[in-house]
Amino acid sequence: MTKLRMIAAAALALAVATPAFAKEEPISFAEDVQPIIQQRCAMCHQPGGDGFVKTGFDLTSYEGLMKGTKHGAMIIPGDPVTSNLMVLIDGRADKSLQMPHGKKKLSSCDRDTIRKWIKQGAKKN
């Protein structure tokens, strides 16, 4: 094997073994996303809650989350950048609309979990 081929083979082996190329762990709605939503969002966004009354957004179930608000969808499966849920929890909308409303912002870890779940297709898993 020539020296150039050995270098190329070593570079390929390194690239394949690098964590950046590792497959992303699947995010579970039931185990990863739903607990965040239940703890930080559902108290307002449940039937009778202030957020539900104003928007019609019910976060007590996967179906409610995927249905969205009376104004439209909040999640575009596979597209966290334009999903309105991420726009609101990342604080990319007007500050008066940032979620959770009037409370401490979700941690970057929680936001990243939701973002990855949406990117992976927002599945009911």
Protein backbone atom coordinates (compact mmCIF):
# COMPACT_ATOMS: atom_id res chain seq x y z
CA MET A 1 0.00 0.00 0.00
CA THR A 2 1.40 3.38 -0.95
CA LYS A 3 1.96 6.02 1.67
CA LEU A 4 -0.80 8.19 0.19
CA ARG A 5 -3.32 5.32 0.36
CA MET A 6 -2.32 4.58 3.96
CA ILE A 7 -2.92 8.22 4.91
CA ALA A 8 -6.27 8.25 3.11
CA ALA A 9 -7.31 5.00 4.82
CA ALA A 10 -6.31 6.37 8.23
CA ALA A 11 -8.21 9.61 7.59
CA LEU A 12 -11.31 7.67 6.56
CA ALA A 13 -11.10 5.44 9.64
CA LEU A 14 -10.76 8.51 11.87
CA ALA A 15 -13.69 10.25 10.19
CA VAL A 16 -15.95 7.23 10.66
CA ALA A 17 -14.97 6.89 14.32
CA THR A 18 -15.43 10.60 15.11
CA PRO A 19 -18.45 11.37 17.34
CA ALA A 20 -19.56 14.10 14.93
CA PHE A 21 -20.45 11.33 12.52
CA ALA A 22 -22.14 9.17 15.14
CA LYS A 23 -25.89 8.68 14.75
CA GLU A 24 -27.89 10.97 17.01
CA GLU A 25 -29.73 9.17 19.81
CA PRO A 26 -33.49 9.10 19.23
CA ILE A 27 -35.50 11.42 21.44
CA SER A 28 -38.64 9.88 22.93
CA PHE A 29 -41.80 11.94 23.27
CA ALA A 30 -42.99 9.91 26.28
CA GLU A 31 -39.65 9.74 28.10
CA ASP A 32 -37.89 12.98 27.11
CA VAL A 33 -40.30 15.63 25.79
CA GLN A 34 -43.57 15.02 27.61
CA PRO A 35 -42.02 15.35 31.11
CA ILE A 36 -40.63 18.79 30.18
CA ILE A 37 -43.99 19.91 28.82
CA GLN A 38 -45.89 18.50 31.82
CA GLN A 39 -43.61 20.24 34.30
CA ARG A 40 -43.18 23.60 32.58
CA CYS A 41 -46.09 24.18 30.18
CA ALA A 42 -49.21 22.09 30.80
CA MET A 43 -50.35 24.01 33.88
CA CYS A 44 -51.34 26.93 31.64
CA HIS A 45 -51.98 25.00 28.44
CA GLN A 46 -54.67 22.61 29.63
CA PRO A 47 -58.44 22.97 29.34
CA GLY A 48 -59.42 25.81 31.65
CA GLY A 49 -55.84 27.14 31.91
CA ASP A 50 -55.02 30.70 30.89
CA GLY A 51 -52.84 29.66 27.94
CA PHE A 52 -55.49 27.26 26.67
CA VAL A 53 -58.27 29.85 26.97
CA LYS A 54 -56.24 32.43 25.02
CA THR A 55 -54.84 30.14 22.30
CA GLY A 56 -56.65 26.81 22.33
CA PHE A 57 -53.25 25.10 22.76
CA ASP A 58 -53.67 21.93 24.83
CA LEU A 59 -50.38 20.46 26.02
CA THR A 60 -51.85 17.63 28.06
CA SER A 61 -51.45 15.17 25.17
CA TYR A 62 -49.39 14.48 22.07
CA GLU A 63 -52.50 15.04 19.96
CA GLY A 64 -53.09 18.48 21.47
CA LEU A 65 -49.46 19.44 20.94
CA MET A 66 -49.56 18.39 17.31
CA LYS A 67 -52.96 20.05 16.70
CA GLY A 68 -51.50 23.43 17.66
CA THR A 69 -53.43 26.58 18.47
CA LYS A 70 -56.56 28.15 17.07
CA HIS A 71 -54.12 30.16 14.92
CA GLY A 72 -52.36 27.13 13.43
CA ALA A 73 -49.68 24.48 13.84
CA MET A 74 -46.95 24.88 16.43
CA ILE A 75 -44.74 22.07 15.20
CA ILE A 76 -43.50 21.29 11.72
CA PRO A 77 -42.06 17.77 12.00
CA GLY A 78 -38.46 17.75 10.83
CA ASP A 79 -38.15 21.55 10.96
CA PRO A 80 -37.40 22.98 14.40
CA VAL A 81 -36.18 26.30 12.97
CA THR A 82 -39.59 27.37 11.68
CA SER A 83 -41.70 25.46 14.22
CA ASN A 84 -43.54 28.12 16.20
CA LEU A 85 -43.04 26.19 19.44
CA MET A 86 -39.26 26.61 19.13
CA VAL A 87 -39.62 30.26 18.09
CA LEU A 88 -41.54 30.91 21.32
CA ILE A 89 -39.42 28.87 23.73
CA ASP A 90 -36.14 30.10 22.21
CA GLY A 91 -37.26 33.70 22.69
CA ARG A 92 -37.10 34.53 18.97
CA ALA A 93 -40.56 36.14 19.09
CA ASP A 94 -41.62 39.30 20.85
CA LYS A 95 -40.70 39.07 24.56
CA SER A 96 -44.40 39.28 25.49
CA LEU A 97 -44.91 35.96 23.68
CA GLN A 98 -41.89 34.08 25.05
CA MET A 99 -42.80 30.78 26.66
CA PRO A 100 -43.14 29.79 29.37
CA HIS A 101 -44.93 33.11 29.74
CA GLY A 102 -43.81 35.15 32.73
CA LYS A 103 -41.63 32.36 34.05
CA LYS A 104 -37.98 31.31 33.87
CA LYS A 105 -36.91 30.30 30.36
CA LEU A 106 -36.50 26.57 29.68
CA SER A 107 -32.93 25.38 30.13
CA SER A 108 -30.83 25.05 26.99
CA CYS A 109 -30.80 21.29 27.61
CA ASP A 110 -34.62 21.14 27.64
CA ARG A 111 -34.87 23.36 24.56
CA ASP A 112 -32.32 21.20 22.73
CA THR A 113 -34.25 18.04 23.65
CA ILE A 114 -37.45 19.45 22.15
CA ARG A 115 -35.54 20.79 19.12
CA LYS A 116 -33.97 17.37 18.44
CA TRP A 117 -37.33 15.64 18.84
CA ILE A 118 -38.89 17.96 16.26
CA LYS A 119 -35.88 17.50 13.96
CA GLN A 120 -36.30 13.72 14.24
CA GLY A 121 -39.89 14.01 13.02
CA ALA A 122 -41.86 14.83 16.22
CA LYS A 123 -42.97 11.23 16.55
CA LYS A 124 -45.30 9.84 19.19
CA ASN A 125 -42.73 7.46 20.62
